Amino acid sequence: MAKACLSKLIQAHFKSDACEIAAIIFIHTHSCNGNYNPHLQVILAEGAFFLSN
């Protein structure tokens, strides 16, 4: 779901549906001090890959 949202955002930026993103997304369930704090960690490559090139 997170990758789909990021893909739509990048496609809107480039005004093209023909691009793909490179992303690593994982869920983190605890904060540094051990409290329960579910959130997503995202590593997103800069730009996009165009499949036609």
N, C-alpha and C. Protein backbone atom coordinates (compact mmCIF):
# COMPACT_ATOMS: atom_id res chain seq x y z
N MET A 1 0.82 -1.18 0.00
CA MET A 1 0.00 0.00 0.00
C MET A 1 0.87 1.27 0.00
N ALA A 2 1.93 1.28 0.79
CA ALA A 2 2.80 2.46 0.84
C ALA A 2 3.50 2.68 -0.49
N LYS A 3 3.95 1.59 -1.13
CA LYS A 3 4.62 1.73 -2.43
C LYS A 3 3.64 2.26 -3.47
N ALA A 4 2.41 1.82 -3.43
CA ALA A 4 1.41 2.30 -4.38
C ALA A 4 1.16 3.80 -4.22
N CYS A 5 1.09 4.26 -2.99
CA CYS A 5 0.90 5.69 -2.74
C CYS A 5 2.10 6.50 -3.23
N LEU A 6 3.30 6.03 -2.94
CA LEU A 6 4.50 6.73 -3.40
C LEU A 6 4.60 6.70 -4.93
N SER A 7 4.22 5.58 -5.55
CA SER A 7 4.25 5.49 -7.01
C SER A 7 3.32 6.52 -7.64
N LYS A 8 2.12 6.65 -7.11
CA LYS A 8 1.16 7.64 -7.63
C LYS A 8 1.71 9.05 -7.49
N LEU A 9 2.34 9.34 -6.38
CA LEU A 9 2.92 10.66 -6.16
C LEU A 9 4.03 10.96 -7.17
N ILE A 10 4.92 9.99 -7.40
CA ILE A 10 6.01 10.17 -8.35
C ILE A 10 5.47 10.26 -9.78
N GLN A 11 4.48 9.43 -10.12
CA GLN A 11 3.89 9.48 -11.46
C GLN A 11 3.23 10.84 -11.70
N ALA A 12 2.60 11.41 -10.70
CA ALA A 12 2.00 12.74 -10.85
C ALA A 12 3.08 13.80 -11.04
N HIS A 13 4.19 13.65 -10.36
CA HIS A 13 5.29 14.61 -10.50
C HIS A 13 5.87 14.58 -11.92
N PHE A 14 6.12 13.37 -12.46
CA PHE A 14 6.69 13.24 -13.80
C PHE A 14 5.62 13.29 -14.90
N LYS A 15 4.34 13.33 -14.51
CA LYS A 15 3.22 13.36 -15.46
C LYS A 15 3.28 12.19 -16.44
N SER A 16 3.57 11.00 -15.90
CA SER A 16 3.69 9.80 -16.72
C SER A 16 3.34 8.57 -15.88
N ASP A 17 2.57 7.66 -16.47
CA ASP A 17 2.26 6.39 -15.81
C ASP A 17 3.29 5.31 -16.14
N ALA A 18 4.29 5.65 -16.96
CA ALA A 18 5.26 4.67 -17.43
C ALA A 18 6.52 4.63 -16.57
N CYS A 19 6.45 5.12 -15.35
CA CYS A 19 7.66 5.10 -14.52
C CYS A 19 7.45 4.22 -13.28
N GLU A 20 8.55 3.67 -12.82
CA GLU A 20 8.56 2.83 -11.62
C GLU A 20 9.53 3.45 -10.62
N ILE A 21 9.27 3.21 -9.34
CA ILE A 21 10.16 3.70 -8.30
C ILE A 21 10.91 2.53 -7.68
N ALA A 22 12.02 2.85 -7.07
CA ALA A 22 12.77 1.86 -6.29
C ALA A 22 12.60 2.24 -4.82
N ALA A 23 11.98 1.35 -4.05
CA ALA A 23 11.70 1.66 -2.65
C ALA A 23 11.85 0.41 -1.79
N ILE A 24 12.38 0.61 -0.61
CA ILE A 24 12.42 -0.42 0.42
C ILE A 24 11.57 0.12 1.57
N ILE A 25 10.52 -0.62 1.91
CA ILE A 25 9.58 -0.17 2.94
C ILE A 25 9.38 -1.31 3.94
N PHE A 26 9.53 -0.99 5.22
CA PHE A 26 9.27 -2.00 6.25
C PHE A 26 8.62 -1.35 7.46
N ILE A 27 7.92 -2.18 8.22
CA ILE A 27 7.22 -1.67 9.39
C ILE A 27 8.14 -1.76 10.60
N HIS A 28 8.15 -0.73 11.36
CA HIS A 28 8.90 -0.65 12.61
C HIS A 28 7.87 -0.56 13.72
N THR A 29 7.95 -1.41 14.72
CA THR A 29 6.89 -1.44 15.73
C THR A 29 7.23 -0.75 17.04
N HIS A 30 8.50 -0.47 17.27
CA HIS A 30 8.87 0.14 18.55
C HIS A 30 9.80 1.33 18.34
N SER A 31 9.73 2.28 19.24
CA SER A 31 10.62 3.44 19.18
C SER A 31 11.95 3.10 19.85
N CYS A 32 12.85 4.06 19.85
CA CYS A 32 14.19 3.84 20.43
C CYS A 32 14.14 3.47 21.91
N ASN A 33 13.18 4.02 22.65
CA ASN A 33 13.11 3.75 24.09
C ASN A 33 12.24 2.54 24.43
N GLY A 34 11.80 1.79 23.41
CA GLY A 34 11.06 0.55 23.65
C GLY A 34 9.56 0.68 23.69
N ASN A 35 9.02 1.88 23.58
CA ASN A 35 7.57 2.06 23.56
C ASN A 35 7.01 1.55 22.24
N TYR A 36 5.78 1.02 22.29
CA TYR A 36 5.10 0.56 21.09
C TYR A 36 4.74 1.77 20.24
N ASN A 37 5.27 1.84 19.03
CA ASN A 37 5.07 2.97 18.14
C ASN A 37 5.14 2.49 16.69
N PRO A 38 4.05 1.88 16.17
CA PRO A 38 4.11 1.35 14.81
C PRO A 38 4.21 2.47 13.78
N HIS A 39 5.16 2.33 12.85
CA HIS A 39 5.34 3.30 11.77
C HIS A 39 6.12 2.65 10.64
N LEU A 40 6.14 3.28 9.49
CA LEU A 40 6.85 2.76 8.33
C LEU A 40 8.20 3.44 8.19
N GLN A 41 9.19 2.64 7.85
CA GLN A 41 10.50 3.15 7.48
C GLN A 41 10.58 3.04 5.96
N VAL A 42 10.97 4.11 5.28
CA VAL A 42 10.99 4.13 3.82
C VAL A 42 12.37 4.59 3.34
N ILE A 43 12.95 3.80 2.44
CA ILE A 43 14.15 4.20 1.71
C ILE A 43 13.72 4.31 0.26
N LEU A 44 13.76 5.52 -0.28
CA LEU A 44 13.27 5.79 -1.62
C LEU A 44 14.40 6.31 -2.48
N ALA A 45 14.62 5.68 -3.64
CA ALA A 45 15.65 6.13 -4.57
C ALA A 45 15.23 7.47 -5.18
N GLU A 46 16.21 8.28 -5.48
CA GLU A 46 15.91 9.59 -6.09
C GLU A 46 15.49 9.40 -7.54
N GLY A 47 14.39 10.04 -7.95
CA GLY A 47 13.92 9.96 -9.33
C GLY A 47 13.05 8.75 -9.57
N ALA A 48 13.01 8.31 -10.84
CA ALA A 48 12.18 7.18 -11.23
C ALA A 48 12.83 6.47 -12.41
N PHE A 49 12.43 5.21 -12.63
CA PHE A 49 12.89 4.43 -13.77
C PHE A 49 11.78 4.41 -14.80
N PHE A 50 12.12 4.75 -16.03
CA PHE A 50 11.14 4.72 -17.11
C PHE A 50 11.35 3.44 -17.89
N LEU A 51 10.31 2.62 -17.96
CA LEU A 51 10.41 1.29 -18.56
C LEU A 51 10.65 1.34 -20.05
N SER A 52 10.28 2.42 -20.73
CA SER A 52 10.45 2.52 -22.18
C SER A 52 11.89 2.78 -22.60
N ASN A 53 12.73 3.22 -21.69
CA ASN A 53 14.13 3.53 -22.03
C ASN A 53 15.04 2.36 -21.80
